[in-house]
Amino acid sequence: MNPLHQSNLKSLPLIARGKVRDMYAVGHDKLLIVASDRISAFDVILDDPIPGKGQVLTELTEFWLKKLAHIIPNHETDVRPEDVVAADEVEQVKGRSMVVKRLKPVMVEAVARGYIIGSGWKDYQATGSVCGVQLPAGLQQASKLPEPIFTPAAKAELGAHDENVDFEHVVNAVGQELAEQIRDVTLRLYREAADYAATKGIIIADTKFEFGLDDNGVLHLMDEVLTPDSSRFWPADSYQEGISPPSFDKQFIRDWLEAQIWDKTPPAPRPPADILEKTAAKYREALDRLRA
């Protein structure tokens, strides 16, 4: 499968292009989501694709949607992507796409953290808390938290940084009942996934979920689920506190970018071929381990 930086389907109306996914309308009630091989870091899309990345993201999302379907409805349908595009477009969607229910997105990044890392670590160092959740003193980088916490973020426009917010921000945005449902479901999804991943030698340090509402106002899990793009996956056998642990996700390419002279605005530095290949291998290993 050749790397796909951007799909170009003519048989369906293009709805939007995200950092990684291209979305097309399938009738009035469904979407075709094509996971490209694009990769974003620090909210900047890199010029070079990661070979096979879109296929890994799609297969992992399908895996988790089935495993977690007992917790909350999701956007999955039984429509094959190959059946909704023109014959000469099948190669663009094969293995990397899903036809899903068209939902009304809830404009909140629902983040669960079981470990302190990334922006959460920076917030903790500055305030002793993350998104208004006070944490114990003396935590180190990558420390395991006493309990997983819900640390939402306000969704930003493409190219801008999502902003960590507190629970009251979510309440003000969507109402008390829906905010509590999103928080509780987020933490349950995270706990069940983290417990399963632990049996495969993988620590899920944190993850973010996307939710949407159907025409009846029923909350659904949607978009990507527990992939290396939306989560931090660490190999348990090399985990230690005090450092940014080795990972199966895009932290690998983030760490390379952090070592470059770059102001985190486009264009990003172009990684050498071996960094792209190693990143692709990290994604594939996460999928292989979790499905083993």
Protein backbone atom coordinates (compact mmCIF):
# COMPACT_ATOMS: atom_id res chain seq x y z
CA MET A 1 0.00 0.00 0.00
CA ASN A 2 1.51 3.31 -1.09
CA PRO A 3 1.62 6.13 1.49
CA LEU A 4 -1.40 8.44 1.19
CA HIS A 5 -0.84 12.05 2.27
CA GLN A 6 -4.29 13.16 1.12
CA SER A 7 -7.28 11.43 -0.42
CA ASN A 8 -8.86 12.89 -3.53
CA LEU A 9 -12.29 11.35 -4.04
CA LYS A 10 -14.54 12.78 -6.73
CA SER A 11 -17.51 10.46 -6.23
CA LEU A 12 -18.48 11.88 -2.81
CA PRO A 13 -18.77 15.46 -1.48
CA LEU A 14 -15.81 16.46 0.69
CA ILE A 15 -16.98 17.69 4.11
CA ALA A 16 -13.69 18.48 5.83
CA ARG A 17 -10.02 17.65 6.14
CA GLY A 18 -8.62 17.25 9.64
CA LYS A 19 -5.04 16.80 10.73
CA VAL A 20 -5.13 13.16 9.65
CA ARG A 21 -8.63 12.30 8.41
CA ASP A 22 -10.55 13.33 5.31
CA MET A 23 -14.35 13.23 5.66
CA TYR A 24 -16.88 12.79 2.86
CA ALA A 25 -20.68 12.72 2.91
CA VAL A 26 -22.40 9.40 2.19
CA GLY A 27 -26.00 10.42 1.74
CA HIS A 28 -27.41 12.67 4.48
CA ASP A 29 -26.87 10.40 7.47
CA LYS A 30 -23.40 8.83 7.06
CA LEU A 31 -19.78 9.84 6.58
CA LEU A 32 -16.81 8.17 4.95
CA ILE A 33 -13.74 8.79 7.10
CA VAL A 34 -10.43 8.19 5.33
CA ALA A 35 -7.41 7.91 7.63
CA SER A 36 -4.47 9.28 5.66
CA ASP A 37 -0.81 8.67 6.50
CA ARG A 38 -0.40 12.30 7.55
CA ILE A 39 1.06 12.91 10.98
CA SER A 40 0.69 15.99 13.14
CA ALA A 41 2.89 16.99 16.06
CA PHE A 42 2.36 20.05 18.24
CA ASP A 43 -0.73 20.69 16.07
CA VAL A 44 1.39 21.05 12.92
CA ILE A 45 0.93 18.64 9.99
CA LEU A 46 4.27 17.31 8.76
CA ASP A 47 5.05 17.26 5.04
CA ASP A 48 6.08 13.60 5.07
CA PRO A 49 3.56 10.78 5.61
CA ILE A 50 4.17 7.75 7.84
CA PRO A 51 3.79 4.64 5.64
CA GLY A 52 0.89 2.42 6.74
CA LYS A 53 -0.19 4.76 9.53
CA GLY A 54 -3.76 5.24 8.31
CA GLN A 55 -4.31 1.50 8.10
CA VAL A 56 -3.04 1.02 11.67
CA LEU A 57 -5.28 3.82 12.99
CA THR A 58 -8.34 2.34 11.29
CA GLU A 59 -7.68 -1.23 12.40
CA LEU A 60 -7.02 -0.16 16.00
CA THR A 61 -10.16 1.99 16.11
CA GLU A 62 -12.27 -0.90 14.79
CA PHE A 63 -10.66 -3.22 17.35
CA TRP A 64 -11.45 -0.91 20.29
CA LEU A 65 -14.97 -0.04 19.10
CA LYS A 66 -15.88 -3.73 19.22
CA LYS A 67 -14.13 -4.33 22.55
CA LEU A 68 -15.79 -1.34 24.26
CA ALA A 69 -19.22 -1.46 22.59
CA HIS A 70 -20.88 -2.62 25.81
CA ILE A 71 -20.05 0.71 27.48
CA ILE A 72 -21.50 3.21 25.00
CA PRO A 73 -22.98 3.21 21.47
CA ASN A 74 -20.53 4.17 18.74
CA HIS A 75 -20.58 5.49 15.20
CA GLU A 76 -19.75 2.20 13.44
CA THR A 77 -21.95 0.89 10.62
CA ASP A 78 -21.80 -2.28 8.53
CA VAL A 79 -21.34 -0.36 5.23
CA ARG A 80 -18.11 -1.18 3.39
CA PRO A 81 -16.06 1.83 2.25
CA GLU A 82 -15.32 0.10 -1.07
CA ASP A 83 -19.05 0.07 -1.81
CA VAL A 84 -19.59 3.85 -1.61
CA VAL A 85 -16.82 5.14 -3.91
CA ALA A 86 -16.09 4.83 -7.63
CA ALA A 87 -14.18 1.77 -8.81
CA ASP A 88 -11.05 3.78 -9.57
CA GLU A 89 -11.07 5.21 -6.02
CA VAL A 90 -11.14 1.93 -4.11
CA GLU A 91 -7.36 1.90 -3.58
CA GLN A 92 -7.59 5.25 -1.76
CA VAL A 93 -10.03 3.89 0.82
CA LYS A 94 -9.16 0.19 1.10
CA GLY A 95 -7.98 -0.77 4.58
CA ARG A 96 -7.89 2.79 5.89
CA SER A 97 -11.51 3.94 5.92
CA MET A 98 -14.81 3.56 7.75
CA VAL A 99 -18.39 4.46 6.84
CA VAL A 100 -19.90 5.82 10.05
CA LYS A 101 -23.06 7.43 11.40
CA ARG A 102 -23.20 11.18 10.94
CA LEU A 103 -23.46 12.64 14.44
CA LYS A 104 -23.53 16.10 15.98
CA PRO A 105 -20.05 16.49 17.51
CA VAL A 106 -19.71 17.49 21.16
CA MET A 107 -17.09 20.23 21.03
CA VAL A 108 -15.01 18.95 23.93
CA GLU A 109 -11.81 16.89 23.90
CA ALA A 110 -12.53 14.25 26.54
CA VAL A 111 -9.11 13.40 27.97
CA ALA A 112 -8.37 10.73 30.56
CA ARG A 113 -4.97 10.60 32.27
CA GLY A 114 -3.60 7.75 34.33
CA TYR A 115 -0.04 9.12 34.33
CA ILE A 116 1.38 12.64 34.45
CA ILE A 117 3.09 13.58 31.20
CA GLY A 118 2.95 16.13 28.38
CA SER A 119 0.88 19.27 28.94
CA GLY A 120 -0.44 17.75 32.17
CA TRP A 121 3.10 17.53 33.55
CA LYS A 122 3.74 21.16 32.62
CA ASP A 123 0.51 22.27 34.31
CA TYR A 124 1.34 20.22 37.41
CA GLN A 125 4.80 21.75 37.68
CA ALA A 126 3.30 25.23 37.52
CA THR A 127 0.20 24.79 39.70
CA GLY A 128 0.20 21.36 41.37
CA SER A 129 -2.98 20.54 39.47
CA VAL A 130 -4.25 19.60 36.01
CA CYS A 131 -7.48 21.10 34.65
CA GLY A 132 -8.50 22.09 38.16
CA VAL A 133 -7.84 18.62 39.62
CA GLN A 134 -5.44 18.97 42.57
CA LEU A 135 -2.78 16.25 42.59
CA PRO A 136 -0.46 14.97 45.33
CA ALA A 137 2.82 16.80 45.85
CA GLY A 138 6.09 15.18 44.79
CA LEU A 139 5.02 13.52 41.55
CA GLN A 140 7.72 13.03 38.94
CA GLN A 141 7.41 13.13 35.18
CA ALA A 142 5.51 9.99 34.06
CA SER A 143 4.38 9.13 37.61
CA LYS A 144 1.27 6.98 37.87
CA LEU A 145 -1.64 8.91 39.37
CA PRO A 146 -3.53 7.54 42.40
CA GLU A 147 -6.64 7.33 40.18
CA PRO A 148 -7.27 8.22 36.53
CA ILE A 149 -8.51 11.79 36.13
CA PHE A 150 -10.73 13.56 33.59
CA THR A 151 -8.84 16.50 32.12
CA PRO A 152 -10.85 18.02 29.25
CA ALA A 153 -9.63 20.38 26.58
CA ALA A 154 -11.45 22.94 24.45
CA LYS A 155 -11.25 21.98 20.78
CA ALA A 156 -9.24 24.46 18.72
CA GLU A 157 -9.39 25.41 15.07
CA LEU A 158 -7.11 23.42 12.74
CA GLY A 159 -3.52 24.49 13.34
CA ALA A 160 -4.19 25.94 16.79
CA HIS A 161 -3.44 24.28 20.13
CA ASP A 162 -6.25 22.71 22.15
CA GLU A 163 -6.55 24.40 25.53
CA ASN A 164 -6.76 22.49 28.82
CA VAL A 165 -9.91 23.50 30.70
CA ASP A 166 -11.62 22.52 33.95
CA PHE A 167 -14.82 20.53 34.41
CA GLU A 168 -16.89 23.69 34.93
CA HIS A 169 -15.94 24.77 31.41
CA VAL A 170 -17.49 21.55 30.08
CA VAL A 171 -20.62 22.09 32.21
CA ASN A 172 -21.00 25.60 30.82
CA ALA A 173 -20.51 24.30 27.26
CA VAL A 174 -22.85 21.29 27.26
CA GLY A 175 -24.82 21.31 30.52
CA GLN A 176 -24.39 19.46 33.82
CA GLU A 177 -26.01 16.14 32.84
CA LEU A 178 -24.13 15.66 29.57
CA ALA A 179 -20.85 16.86 31.12
CA GLU A 180 -21.14 14.26 33.89
CA GLN A 181 -22.01 11.54 31.37
CA ILE A 182 -18.99 12.40 29.21
CA ARG A 183 -16.68 12.44 32.25
CA ASP A 184 -17.95 9.13 33.63
CA VAL A 185 -17.89 7.35 30.26
CA THR A 186 -14.42 8.71 29.47
CA LEU A 187 -13.00 7.32 32.69
CA ARG A 188 -14.73 3.95 32.29
CA LEU A 189 -13.47 3.58 28.71
CA TYR A 190 -9.96 4.48 29.80
CA ARG A 191 -9.92 2.09 32.76
CA GLU A 192 -11.17 -0.89 30.76
CA ALA A 193 -8.78 -0.20 27.89
CA ALA A 194 -5.82 0.36 30.22
CA ASP A 195 -6.55 -2.86 32.10
CA TYR A 196 -6.68 -4.81 28.84
CA ALA A 197 -3.53 -3.19 27.42
CA ALA A 198 -1.66 -4.02 30.62
CA THR A 199 -2.17 -7.73 29.85
CA LYS A 200 -0.30 -7.09 26.57
CA GLY A 201 2.62 -5.30 28.19
CA ILE A 202 1.43 -1.82 27.23
CA ILE A 203 0.75 1.12 29.53
CA ILE A 204 -1.86 3.57 28.22
CA ALA A 205 -0.65 6.75 29.91
CA ASP A 206 -3.47 8.93 28.62
CA THR A 207 -5.96 9.16 25.80
CA LYS A 208 -8.60 11.45 24.35
CA PHE A 209 -12.05 10.53 23.13
CA GLU A 210 -14.47 12.28 20.80
CA PHE A 211 -18.22 12.09 21.30
CA GLY A 212 -21.28 12.99 19.26
CA LEU A 213 -25.05 12.99 19.61
CA ASP A 214 -27.52 11.26 17.31
CA ASP A 215 -30.89 12.73 16.31
CA ASN A 216 -32.39 11.44 19.58
CA GLY A 217 -29.70 13.08 21.71
CA VAL A 218 -28.02 9.75 22.54
CA LEU A 219 -24.30 10.05 23.25
CA HIS A 220 -22.02 8.05 20.92
CA LEU A 221 -18.29 7.38 20.85
CA MET A 222 -16.88 8.51 17.51
CA ASP A 223 -13.78 9.35 15.48
CA GLU A 224 -10.55 7.52 16.33
CA VAL A 225 -10.41 5.45 19.52
CA LEU A 226 -7.31 4.58 21.53
CA THR A 227 -4.86 4.91 18.67
CA PRO A 228 -1.21 6.02 18.84
CA ASP A 229 -2.39 9.44 17.60
CA SER A 230 -4.92 9.96 20.38
CA SER A 231 -3.06 8.16 23.17
CA ARG A 232 0.33 7.63 24.73
CA PHE A 233 1.30 3.93 24.68
CA TRP A 234 4.37 2.92 26.70
CA PRO A 235 6.04 -0.51 26.81
CA ALA A 236 5.64 -1.65 30.41
CA ASP A 237 9.01 -3.39 30.54
CA SER A 238 10.96 -0.16 30.00
CA TYR A 239 8.75 2.25 31.95
CA GLN A 240 10.31 4.38 34.66
CA GLU A 241 9.48 7.64 36.39
CA GLY A 242 11.41 10.84 35.85
CA ILE A 243 11.75 10.64 32.05
CA SER A 244 9.56 10.71 28.96
CA PRO A 245 9.31 6.92 28.52
CA PRO A 246 9.90 5.11 25.22
CA SER A 247 6.61 4.82 23.38
CA PHE A 248 4.63 3.10 20.64
CA ASP A 249 3.04 6.35 19.53
CA LYS A 250 3.96 9.65 17.95
CA GLN A 251 5.87 10.69 21.06
CA PHE A 252 8.82 9.17 19.20
CA ILE A 253 8.58 11.76 16.45
CA ARG A 254 7.65 14.49 18.98
CA ASP A 255 10.90 13.82 20.83
CA TRP A 256 12.88 14.12 17.59
CA LEU A 257 11.15 17.42 16.80
CA GLU A 258 11.79 18.72 20.32
CA ALA A 259 15.52 18.30 19.68
CA GLN A 260 15.33 20.52 16.59
CA ILE A 261 15.49 24.31 16.47
CA TRP A 262 11.82 25.02 15.73
CA ASP A 263 9.17 27.41 17.06
CA LYS A 264 6.29 24.90 16.72
CA THR A 265 4.73 26.77 13.78
CA PRO A 266 4.48 25.53 10.15
CA PRO A 267 6.47 24.33 8.39
CA ALA A 268 7.82 21.63 10.68
CA PRO A 269 11.35 20.25 10.24
CA ARG A 270 11.40 17.28 7.84
CA PRO A 271 12.44 14.09 9.63
CA PRO A 272 14.98 11.82 7.92
CA ALA A 273 13.77 8.57 6.37
CA ASP A 274 14.92 6.42 9.30
CA ILE A 275 12.81 8.46 11.77
CA LEU A 276 9.75 8.04 9.53
CA GLU A 277 10.37 4.30 9.23
CA LYS A 278 10.92 3.84 12.96
CA THR A 279 7.72 5.78 13.68
CA ALA A 280 5.81 3.51 11.28
CA ALA A 281 7.25 0.45 13.05
CA LYS A 282 6.15 1.83 16.45
CA TYR A 283 2.57 2.21 15.23
CA ARG A 284 2.52 -1.29 13.76
CA GLU A 285 3.99 -2.86 16.91
CA ALA A 286 1.28 -1.30 19.07
CA LEU A 287 -1.41 -2.80 16.83
CA ASP A 288 0.25 -6.21 16.72
CA ARG A 289 0.70 -6.37 20.50
CA LEU A 290 -2.83 -5.28 21.33
CA ARG A 291 -4.44 -7.75 18.92
CA ALA A 292 -2.17 -10.66 19.83
